[in-house]
Amino acid sequence: MSIWVSRNDEGSLYVRFKYDEQMVMKIRKISGRKWVSDKKIWMIPFTTESIQQLYTLFEGTKIYVDSMLMKECSLFNNEVNMQDTTPIYSWNESIKRSLVHALRLRGYSKKNDKSLL
């Protein structure tokens, strides 16, 4: 299992991973964490304590950190991997699912997907 960490505009961190009950139980132990259902992502405070908790709870898990965040924050050291590869599911997939859902609600068939997407 792997997790991806990036910074959001609100001064906190986004943490993404494929659904796994054990991973969810771990991230729920981070104080101040929040599930953002519309983005299907966890948000944790951008604090030293939260980052240390993340490392401790997910010890042995591959952590990919956004390259801009890696440069900005010295707490992310060489033990984590810079995110230079596409994650298992990207932001684009989430947007695409939402768009396909909206098209179905409007009566468009799957045949229209290629031309509209």
Protein backbone atom coordinates (compact mmCIF):
# COMPACT_ATOMS: atom_id res chain seq x y z
CA MET A 1 0.00 0.00 0.00
CA SER A 2 1.05 3.56 -0.70
CA ILE A 3 -0.17 7.00 0.32
CA TRP A 4 0.17 10.35 -1.42
CA VAL A 5 0.60 13.64 0.41
CA SER A 6 0.10 17.08 -1.10
CA ARG A 7 -0.66 20.56 0.19
CA ASN A 8 -3.98 22.31 -0.31
CA ASP A 9 -4.75 26.02 -0.43
CA GLU A 10 -6.23 26.04 3.07
CA GLY A 11 -2.92 25.44 4.86
CA SER A 12 -3.45 21.75 5.46
CA LEU A 13 -2.35 18.53 3.78
CA TYR A 14 -4.26 16.14 1.58
CA VAL A 15 -3.61 12.45 2.18
CA ARG A 16 -4.80 9.96 -0.44
CA PHE A 17 -4.73 6.18 -0.57
CA LYS A 18 -6.79 3.33 -1.95
CA TYR A 19 -9.49 2.33 0.49
CA ASP A 20 -8.25 -0.06 3.12
CA GLU A 21 -9.96 -0.43 6.49
CA GLN A 22 -6.68 -0.60 8.40
CA MET A 23 -5.37 2.54 6.70
CA VAL A 24 -8.60 4.37 7.57
CA MET A 25 -8.28 3.28 11.20
CA LYS A 26 -4.71 4.62 11.26
CA ILE A 27 -5.50 8.02 9.76
CA ARG A 28 -8.42 8.46 12.14
CA LYS A 29 -5.84 8.53 14.95
CA ILE A 30 -4.39 11.81 13.63
CA SER A 31 -5.87 14.68 15.60
CA GLY A 32 -7.60 17.30 13.47
CA ARG A 33 -8.05 14.97 10.51
CA LYS A 34 -11.12 15.34 8.32
CA TRP A 35 -12.66 13.26 5.53
CA VAL A 36 -13.55 15.41 2.50
CA SER A 37 -16.23 13.28 0.88
CA ASP A 38 -16.69 15.25 -2.34
CA LYS A 39 -12.95 14.89 -3.12
CA LYS A 40 -12.68 11.43 -1.53
CA ILE A 41 -9.58 12.48 0.33
CA TRP A 42 -8.36 12.94 3.90
CA MET A 43 -7.22 16.34 5.12
CA ILE A 44 -4.82 16.72 8.06
CA PRO A 45 -3.36 19.86 9.66
CA PHE A 46 -0.05 21.05 8.20
CA THR A 47 1.74 20.86 11.55
CA THR A 48 4.87 19.16 12.84
CA GLU A 49 2.76 16.95 15.11
CA SER A 50 0.50 15.76 12.28
CA ILE A 51 3.40 14.98 9.99
CA GLN A 52 5.19 13.06 12.74
CA GLN A 53 1.99 11.14 13.51
CA LEU A 54 1.63 10.33 9.82
CA TYR A 55 5.18 8.90 9.70
CA THR A 56 4.65 6.91 12.89
CA LEU A 57 1.24 5.50 11.99
CA PHE A 58 2.21 4.61 8.43
CA GLU A 59 5.66 3.23 9.18
CA GLY A 60 6.54 0.67 6.51
CA THR A 61 4.11 2.23 4.03
CA LYS A 62 5.46 3.93 0.93
CA ILE A 63 4.75 7.66 1.22
CA TYR A 64 4.80 9.81 -1.91
CA VAL A 65 5.10 13.54 -1.29
CA ASP A 66 4.34 16.24 -3.84
CA SER A 67 7.66 17.67 -5.08
CA MET A 68 6.67 21.27 -4.26
CA LEU A 69 5.76 20.26 -0.71
CA MET A 70 9.03 18.33 -0.40
CA LYS A 71 11.00 21.47 -1.26
CA GLU A 72 8.87 23.67 1.00
CA CYS A 73 8.92 21.55 4.15
CA SER A 74 12.10 20.14 5.68
CA LEU A 75 10.07 17.61 7.70
CA PHE A 76 9.73 15.52 4.56
CA ASN A 77 13.13 13.90 4.29
CA ASN A 78 14.75 11.31 2.06
CA GLU A 79 12.77 8.47 3.62
CA VAL A 80 9.73 9.48 1.62
CA ASN A 81 9.48 9.45 -2.15
CA MET A 82 8.89 12.47 -4.30
CA GLN A 83 5.69 12.14 -6.27
CA ASP A 84 6.98 12.12 -9.81
CA THR A 85 4.78 9.27 -10.96
CA THR A 86 1.04 9.19 -11.46
CA PRO A 87 -0.81 7.87 -8.41
CA ILE A 88 -3.11 4.85 -8.55
CA TYR A 89 -6.05 7.17 -8.99
CA SER A 90 -5.57 10.76 -9.98
CA TRP A 91 -7.57 13.92 -9.53
CA ASN A 92 -8.60 13.57 -13.16
CA GLU A 93 -10.29 10.23 -12.51
CA SER A 94 -12.44 11.78 -9.80
CA ILE A 95 -13.45 14.60 -12.12
CA LYS A 96 -14.16 12.13 -14.92
CA ARG A 97 -16.39 10.00 -12.66
CA SER A 98 -18.35 13.09 -11.65
CA LEU A 99 -18.74 14.17 -15.25
CA VAL A 100 -19.87 10.72 -16.40
CA HIS A 101 -22.40 10.65 -13.55
CA ALA A 102 -23.74 14.06 -14.60
CA LEU A 103 -24.03 12.89 -18.22
CA ARG A 104 -26.02 9.80 -17.16
CA LEU A 105 -28.37 11.99 -15.12
CA ARG A 106 -28.98 14.07 -18.24
CA GLY A 107 -29.83 11.00 -20.29
CA TYR A 108 -26.59 10.61 -22.29
CA SER A 109 -25.59 7.03 -23.08
CA LYS A 110 -22.16 5.39 -22.81
CA LYS A 111 -21.85 5.74 -26.59
CA ASN A 112 -21.46 9.50 -26.14
CA ASP A 113 -18.54 9.21 -23.70
CA LYS A 114 -15.79 9.18 -26.33
CA SER A 115 -17.00 12.31 -28.08
CA LEU A 116 -17.78 14.23 -24.87
CA LEU A 117 -14.80 13.23 -22.77
